[in-house]
Amino acid sequence: MPIFEYKCKKCGFVTELLERSGSKSKPVCEKCGSGAMEKLFSSFAVGVRHDGTDSKCFGCSDRGCPHSGI
């Protein structure tokens, strides 16, 4: 099941929820009980593999990564 982030339009509370594919249920704010929840676009983590023979990872593209070489 994927995890989605939702923000309450009424009070601004942000939460993460597990959601089944094709689920018809609407999320409800844990803080104020409002049903006015908005799904947010979130970044996601990507697994990075390192084979041990090189100082670089496979998949690093971020300039802040010490293994990217960029």
PDB file of N, CA and C in Angstrom:
ATOM      1  N   MET A   1       0.845  -1.184   0.000  1.00  0.00           N
ATOM      2  CA  MET A   1       0.000   0.000   0.000  1.00  0.00           C
ATOM      3  C   MET A   1       0.886   1.241   0.000  1.00  0.00           C
ATOM      4  N   PRO A   2       0.594   2.185  -0.874  1.00  0.00           N
ATOM      5  CA  PRO A   2       1.381   3.421  -0.906  1.00  0.00           C
ATOM      6  C   PRO A   2       1.015   4.360   0.243  1.00  0.00           C
ATOM      7  N   ILE A   3       1.965   5.202   0.592  1.00  0.00           N
ATOM      8  CA  ILE A   3       1.758   6.217   1.624  1.00  0.00           C
ATOM      9  C   ILE A   3       1.573   7.558   0.919  1.00  0.00           C
ATOM     10  N   PHE A   4       0.516   8.262   1.275  1.00  0.00           N
ATOM     11  CA  PHE A   4       0.254   9.577   0.713  1.00  0.00           C
ATOM     12  C   PHE A   4       0.234  10.612   1.829  1.00  0.00           C
ATOM     13  N   GLU A   5       0.609  11.840   1.488  1.00  0.00           N
ATOM     14  CA  GLU A   5       0.523  12.954   2.423  1.00  0.00           C
ATOM     15  C   GLU A   5      -0.737  13.753   2.111  1.00  0.00           C
ATOM     16  N   TYR A   6      -1.430  14.138   3.158  1.00  0.00           N
ATOM     17  CA  TYR A   6      -2.630  14.959   3.026  1.00  0.00           C
ATOM     18  C   TYR A   6      -2.508  16.169   3.934  1.00  0.00           C
ATOM     19  N   LYS A   7      -3.094  17.281   3.481  1.00  0.00           N
ATOM     20  CA  LYS A   7      -3.137  18.506   4.289  1.00  0.00           C
ATOM     21  C   LYS A   7      -4.590  18.923   4.445  1.00  0.00           C
ATOM     22  N   CYS A   8      -4.970  19.229   5.679  1.00  0.00           N
ATOM     23  CA  CYS A   8      -6.322  19.679   5.969  1.00  0.00           C
ATOM     24  C   CYS A   8      -6.470  21.132   5.505  1.00  0.00           C
ATOM     25  N   LYS A   9      -7.497  21.378   4.693  1.00  0.00           N
ATOM     26  CA  LYS A   9      -7.735  22.734   4.200  1.00  0.00           C
ATOM     27  C   LYS A   9      -8.299  23.644   5.279  1.00  0.00           C
ATOM     28  N   LYS A  10      -8.845  23.047   6.337  1.00  0.00           N
ATOM     29  CA  LYS A  10      -9.450  23.834   7.413  1.00  0.00           C
ATOM     30  C   LYS A  10      -8.416  24.292   8.443  1.00  0.00           C
ATOM     31  N   CYS A  11      -7.609  23.348   8.968  1.00  0.00           N
ATOM     32  CA  CYS A  11      -6.678  23.710  10.044  1.00  0.00           C
ATOM     33  C   CYS A  11      -5.199  23.657   9.639  1.00  0.00           C
ATOM     34  N   GLY A  12      -4.892  23.104   8.453  1.00  0.00           N
ATOM     35  CA  GLY A  12      -3.515  23.069   7.977  1.00  0.00           C
ATOM     36  C   GLY A  12      -2.696  21.874   8.442  1.00  0.00           C
ATOM     37  N   PHE A  13      -3.295  20.966   9.210  1.00  0.00           N
ATOM     38  CA  PHE A  13      -2.589  19.783   9.718  1.00  0.00           C
ATOM     39  C   PHE A  13      -2.182  18.890   8.548  1.00  0.00           C
ATOM     40  N   VAL A  14      -0.919  18.407   8.561  1.00  0.00           N
ATOM     41  CA  VAL A  14      -0.406  17.521   7.520  1.00  0.00           C
ATOM     42  C   VAL A  14      -0.174  16.140   8.125  1.00  0.00           C
ATOM     43  N   THR A  15      -0.602  15.095   7.413  1.00  0.00           N
ATOM     44  CA  THR A  15      -0.456  13.735   7.903  1.00  0.00           C
ATOM     45  C   THR A  15      -0.146  12.791   6.746  1.00  0.00           C
ATOM     46  N   GLU A  16       0.425  11.644   7.066  1.00  0.00           N
ATOM     47  CA  GLU A  16       0.678  10.592   6.090  1.00  0.00           C
ATOM     48  C   GLU A  16      -0.310   9.468   6.332  1.00  0.00           C
ATOM     49  N   LEU A  17      -0.871   8.924   5.244  1.00  0.00           N
ATOM     50  CA  LEU A  17      -1.846   7.849   5.363  1.00  0.00           C
ATOM     51  C   LEU A  17      -1.526   6.723   4.392  1.00  0.00           C
ATOM     52  N   LEU A  18      -1.679   5.485   4.855  1.00  0.00           N
ATOM     53  CA  LEU A  18      -1.593   4.329   3.976  1.00  0.00           C
ATOM     54  C   LEU A  18      -2.913   4.242   3.225  1.00  0.00           C
ATOM     55  N   GLU A  19      -2.843   4.042   1.930  1.00  0.00           N
ATOM     56  CA  GLU A  19      -4.070   4.025   1.142  1.00  0.00           C
ATOM     57  C   GLU A  19      -4.058   2.847   0.172  1.00  0.00           C
ATOM     58  N   ARG A  20      -5.089   2.034   0.231  1.00  0.00           N
ATOM     59  CA  ARG A  20      -5.220   0.905  -0.696  1.00  0.00           C
ATOM     60  C   ARG A  20      -5.517   1.424  -2.100  1.00  0.00           C
ATOM     61  N   SER A  21      -5.024   0.716  -3.110  1.00  0.00           N
ATOM     62  CA  SER A  21      -5.326   1.065  -4.498  1.00  0.00           C
ATOM     63  C   SER A  21      -6.826   0.953  -4.729  1.00  0.00           C
ATOM     64  N   GLY A  22      -7.396   1.956  -5.361  1.00  0.00           N
ATOM     65  CA  GLY A  22      -8.818   1.940  -5.661  1.00  0.00           C
ATOM     66  C   GLY A  22      -9.725   2.231  -4.487  1.00  0.00           C
ATOM     67  N   SER A  23      -9.156   2.647  -3.359  1.00  0.00           N
ATOM     68  CA  SER A  23      -9.956   2.944  -2.174  1.00  0.00           C
ATOM     69  C   SER A  23     -10.872   4.133  -2.437  1.00  0.00           C
ATOM     70  N   LYS A  24     -12.120   4.018  -2.054  1.00  0.00           N
ATOM     71  CA  LYS A  24     -13.103   5.087  -2.247  1.00  0.00           C
ATOM     72  C   LYS A  24     -13.289   5.931  -0.990  1.00  0.00           C
ATOM     73  N   SER A  25     -12.681   5.519   0.130  1.00  0.00           N
ATOM     74  CA  SER A  25     -12.873   6.252   1.376  1.00  0.00           C
ATOM     75  C   SER A  25     -12.122   7.586   1.347  1.00  0.00           C
ATOM     76  N   LYS A  26     -12.725   8.584   1.953  1.00  0.00           N
ATOM     77  CA  LYS A  26     -12.147   9.922   2.029  1.00  0.00           C
ATOM     78  C   LYS A  26     -11.439  10.088   3.366  1.00  0.00           C
ATOM     79  N   PRO A  27     -10.219  10.637   3.366  1.00  0.00           N
ATOM     80  CA  PRO A  27      -9.510  10.844   4.633  1.00  0.00           C
ATOM     81  C   PRO A  27     -10.166  11.949   5.466  1.00  0.00           C
ATOM     82  N   VAL A  28     -10.048  11.813   6.765  1.00  0.00           N
ATOM     83  CA  VAL A  28     -10.579  12.788   7.710  1.00  0.00           C
ATOM     84  C   VAL A  28      -9.415  13.289   8.561  1.00  0.00           C
ATOM     85  N   CYS A  29      -9.376  14.587   8.809  1.00  0.00           N
ATOM     86  CA  CYS A  29      -8.307  15.194   9.606  1.00  0.00           C
ATOM     87  C   CYS A  29      -8.324  14.637  11.030  1.00  0.00           C
ATOM     88  N   GLU A  30      -7.163  14.186  11.474  1.00  0.00           N
ATOM     89  CA  GLU A  30      -7.020  13.652  12.836  1.00  0.00           C
ATOM     90  C   GLU A  30      -7.149  14.746  13.890  1.00  0.00           C
ATOM     91  N   LYS A  31      -6.796  15.975  13.508  1.00  0.00           N
ATOM     92  CA  LYS A  31      -6.759  17.075  14.468  1.00  0.00           C
ATOM     93  C   LYS A  31      -8.124  17.745  14.662  1.00  0.00           C
ATOM     94  N   CYS A  32      -8.805  18.084  13.541  1.00  0.00           N
ATOM     95  CA  CYS A  32     -10.052  18.840  13.682  1.00  0.00           C
ATOM     96  C   CYS A  32     -11.292  18.081  13.196  1.00  0.00           C
ATOM     97  N   GLY A  33     -11.104  16.917  12.570  1.00  0.00           N
ATOM     98  CA  GLY A  33     -12.226  16.108  12.119  1.00  0.00           C
ATOM     99  C   GLY A  33     -12.816  16.514  10.779  1.00  0.00           C
ATOM    100  N   SER A  34     -12.228  17.495  10.120  1.00  0.00           N
ATOM    101  CA  SER A  34     -12.728  17.954   8.827  1.00  0.00           C
ATOM    102  C   SER A  34     -12.476  16.913   7.734  1.00  0.00           C
ATOM    103  N   GLY A  35     -13.354  16.873   6.762  1.00  0.00           N
ATOM    104  CA  GLY A  35     -13.182  15.980   5.620  1.00  0.00           C
ATOM    105  C   GLY A  35     -12.563  16.698   4.426  1.00  0.00           C
ATOM    106  N   ALA A  36     -12.166  17.954   4.631  1.00  0.00           N
ATOM    107  CA  ALA A  36     -11.581  18.757   3.552  1.00  0.00           C
ATOM    108  C   ALA A  36     -10.063  18.530   3.491  1.00  0.00           C
ATOM    109  N   MET A  37      -9.693  17.331   3.050  1.00  0.00           N
ATOM    110  CA  MET A  37      -8.278  16.971   2.972  1.00  0.00           C
ATOM    111  C   MET A  37      -7.802  17.040   1.522  1.00  0.00           C
ATOM    112  N   GLU A  38      -6.602  17.574   1.345  1.00  0.00           N
ATOM    113  CA  GLU A  38      -6.021  17.749   0.024  1.00  0.00           C
ATOM    114  C   GLU A  38      -4.770  16.879  -0.084  1.00  0.00           C
ATOM    115  N   LYS A  39      -4.687  16.067  -1.136  1.00  0.00           N
ATOM    116  CA  LYS A  39      -3.521  15.206  -1.338  1.00  0.00           C
ATOM    117  C   LYS A  39      -2.359  16.075  -1.816  1.00  0.00           C
ATOM    118  N   LEU A  40      -1.190  15.898  -1.188  1.00  0.00           N
ATOM    119  CA  LEU A  40      -0.009  16.680  -1.529  1.00  0.00           C
ATOM    120  C   LEU A  40       0.919  15.895  -2.448  1.00  0.00           C
ATOM    121  N   PHE A  41       1.689  16.605  -3.239  1.00  0.00           N
ATOM    122  CA  PHE A  41       2.744  15.986  -4.012  1.00  0.00           C
ATOM    123  C   PHE A  41       3.946  15.866  -3.100  1.00  0.00           C
ATOM    124  N   SER A  42       4.503  14.693  -3.014  1.00  0.00           N
ATOM    125  CA  SER A  42       5.606  14.449  -2.086  1.00  0.00           C
ATOM    126  C   SER A  42       6.815  13.918  -2.825  1.00  0.00           C
ATOM    127  N   SER A  43       7.975  14.177  -2.271  1.00  0.00           N
ATOM    128  CA  SER A  43       9.185  13.553  -2.800  1.00  0.00           C
ATOM    129  C   SER A  43       9.225  12.123  -2.283  1.00  0.00           C
ATOM    130  N   PHE A  44      10.019  11.318  -2.901  1.00  0.00           N
ATOM    131  CA  PHE A  44      10.109   9.939  -2.473  1.00  0.00           C
ATOM    132  C   PHE A  44      11.563   9.511  -2.416  1.00  0.00           C
ATOM    133  N   ALA A  45      11.824   8.478  -1.659  1.00  0.00           N
ATOM    134  CA  ALA A  45      13.182   7.960  -1.504  1.00  0.00           C
ATOM    135  C   ALA A  45      13.445   6.920  -2.582  1.00  0.00           C
ATOM    136  N   VAL A  46      14.677   6.912  -3.051  1.00  0.00           N
ATOM    137  CA  VAL A  46      15.096   5.930  -4.039  1.00  0.00           C
ATOM    138  C   VAL A  46      16.263   5.168  -3.445  1.00  0.00           C
ATOM    139  N   GLY A  47      16.202   3.859  -3.497  1.00  0.00           N
ATOM    140  CA  GLY A  47      17.312   3.054  -3.002  1.00  0.00           C
ATOM    141  C   GLY A  47      18.536   3.219  -3.880  1.00  0.00           C
ATOM    142  N   VAL A  48      19.681   3.359  -3.272  1.00  0.00           N
ATOM    143  CA  VAL A  48      20.930   3.514  -4.014  1.00  0.00           C
ATOM    144  C   VAL A  48      21.801   2.310  -3.718  1.00  0.00           C
ATOM    145  N   ARG A  49      22.326   1.727  -4.782  1.00  0.00           N
ATOM    146  CA  ARG A  49      23.129   0.524  -4.654  1.00  0.00           C
ATOM    147  C   ARG A  49      24.592   0.884  -4.850  1.00  0.00           C
ATOM    148  N   HIS A  50      25.448   0.286  -4.099  1.00  0.00           N
ATOM    149  CA  HIS A  50      26.881   0.502  -4.223  1.00  0.00           C
ATOM    150  C   HIS A  50      27.528  -0.873  -4.331  1.00  0.00           C
ATOM    151  N   ASP A  51      28.335  -1.079  -5.398  1.00  0.00           N
ATOM    152  CA  ASP A  51      28.910  -2.408  -5.608  1.00  0.00           C
ATOM    153  C   ASP A  51      30.244  -2.611  -4.900  1.00  0.00           C
ATOM    154  N   GLY A  52      30.785  -1.571  -4.260  1.00  0.00           N
ATOM    155  CA  GLY A  52      32.012  -1.709  -3.477  1.00  0.00           C
ATOM    156  C   GLY A  52      33.297  -1.558  -4.269  1.00  0.00           C
ATOM    157  N   THR A  53      33.233  -1.513  -5.605  1.00  0.00           N
ATOM    158  CA  THR A  53      34.448  -1.412  -6.413  1.00  0.00           C
ATOM    159  C   THR A  53      34.763   0.001  -6.826  1.00  0.00           C
ATOM    160  N   ASP A  54      33.856   0.899  -6.666  1.00  0.00           N
ATOM    161  CA  ASP A  54      34.018   2.265  -7.122  1.00  0.00           C
ATOM    162  C   ASP A  54      33.547   3.194  -6.020  1.00  0.00           C
ATOM    163  N   SER A  55      33.992   4.431  -6.038  1.00  0.00           N
ATOM    164  CA  SER A  55      33.567   5.368  -5.002  1.00  0.00           C
ATOM    165  C   SER A  55      32.199   5.971  -5.306  1.00  0.00           C
ATOM    166  N   LYS A  56      31.663   5.685  -6.497  1.00  0.00           N
ATOM    167  CA  LYS A  56      30.355   6.235  -6.860  1.00  0.00           C
ATOM    168  C   LYS A  56      29.243   5.232  -6.623  1.00  0.00           C
ATOM    169  N   CYS A  57      28.067   5.748  -6.314  1.00  0.00           N
ATOM    170  CA  CYS A  57      26.863   4.933  -6.225  1.00  0.00           C
ATOM    171  C   CYS A  57      26.242   4.857  -7.609  1.00  0.00           C
ATOM    172  N   PHE A  58      25.287   3.989  -7.767  1.00  0.00           N
ATOM    173  CA  PHE A  58      24.491   3.956  -8.979  1.00  0.00           C
ATOM    174  C   PHE A  58      23.225   4.742  -8.699  1.00  0.00           C
ATOM    175  N   GLY A  59      22.989   5.781  -9.465  1.00  0.00           N
ATOM    176  CA  GLY A  59      21.761   6.542  -9.297  1.00  0.00           C
ATOM    177  C   GLY A  59      21.947   7.905  -8.656  1.00  0.00           C
ATOM    178  N   CYS A  60      23.139   8.234  -8.172  1.00  0.00           N
ATOM    179  CA  CYS A  60      23.348   9.554  -7.582  1.00  0.00           C
ATOM    180  C   CYS A  60      23.330  10.614  -8.668  1.00  0.00           C
ATOM    181  N   SER A  61      22.491  11.608  -8.507  1.00  0.00           N
ATOM    182  CA  SER A  61      22.466  12.717  -9.454  1.00  0.00           C
ATOM    183  C   SER A  61      22.392  14.055  -8.718  1.00  0.00           C
ATOM    184  N   ASP A  62      22.297  13.993  -7.419  1.00  0.00           N
ATOM    185  CA  ASP A  62      22.187  15.180  -6.593  1.00  0.00           C
ATOM    186  C   ASP A  62      23.581  15.772  -6.364  1.00  0.00           C
ATOM    187  N   ARG A  63      23.719  17.057  -6.589  1.00  0.00           N
ATOM    188  CA  ARG A  63      25.019  17.708  -6.389  1.00  0.00           C
ATOM    189  C   ARG A  63      25.477  17.643  -4.937  1.00  0.00           C
ATOM    190  N   GLY A  64      24.547  17.429  -4.016  1.00  0.00           N
ATOM    191  CA  GLY A  64      24.900  17.362  -2.608  1.00  0.00           C
ATOM    192  C   GLY A  64      25.392  15.981  -2.167  1.00  0.00           C
ATOM    193  N   CYS A  65      25.231  14.977  -3.032  1.00  0.00           N
ATOM    194  CA  CYS A  65      25.663  13.621  -2.673  1.00  0.00           C
ATOM    195  C   CYS A  65      27.177  13.521  -2.788  1.00  0.00           C
ATOM    196  N   PRO A  66      27.859  13.015  -1.763  1.00  0.00           N
ATOM    197  CA  PRO A  66      29.318  12.925  -1.817  1.00  0.00           C
ATOM    198  C   PRO A  66      29.812  11.907  -2.843  1.00  0.00           C
ATOM    199  N   HIS A  67      28.938  11.063  -3.348  1.00  0.00           N
ATOM    200  CA  HIS A  67      29.350  10.030  -4.307  1.00  0.00           C
ATOM    201  C   HIS A  67      29.056  10.404  -5.756  1.00  0.00           C
ATOM    202  N   SER A  68      28.372  11.529  -5.987  1.00  0.00           N
ATOM    203  CA  SER A  68      27.890  11.846  -7.322  1.00  0.00           C
ATOM    204  C   SER A  68      29.004  12.229  -8.293  1.00  0.00           C
ATOM    205  N   GLY A  69      30.077  12.825  -7.789  1.00  0.00           N
ATOM    206  CA  GLY A  69      31.160  13.257  -8.673  1.00  0.00           C
ATOM    207  C   GLY A  69      30.796  14.438  -9.539  1.00  0.00           C
ATOM    208  N   ILE A  70      29.671  15.070  -9.267  1.00  0.00           N
ATOM    209  CA  ILE A  70      29.232  16.219 -10.077  1.00  0.00           C
ATOM    210  C   ILE A  70      29.797  17.482  -9.479  1.00  0.00           C
TER     211      ILE A  70
END
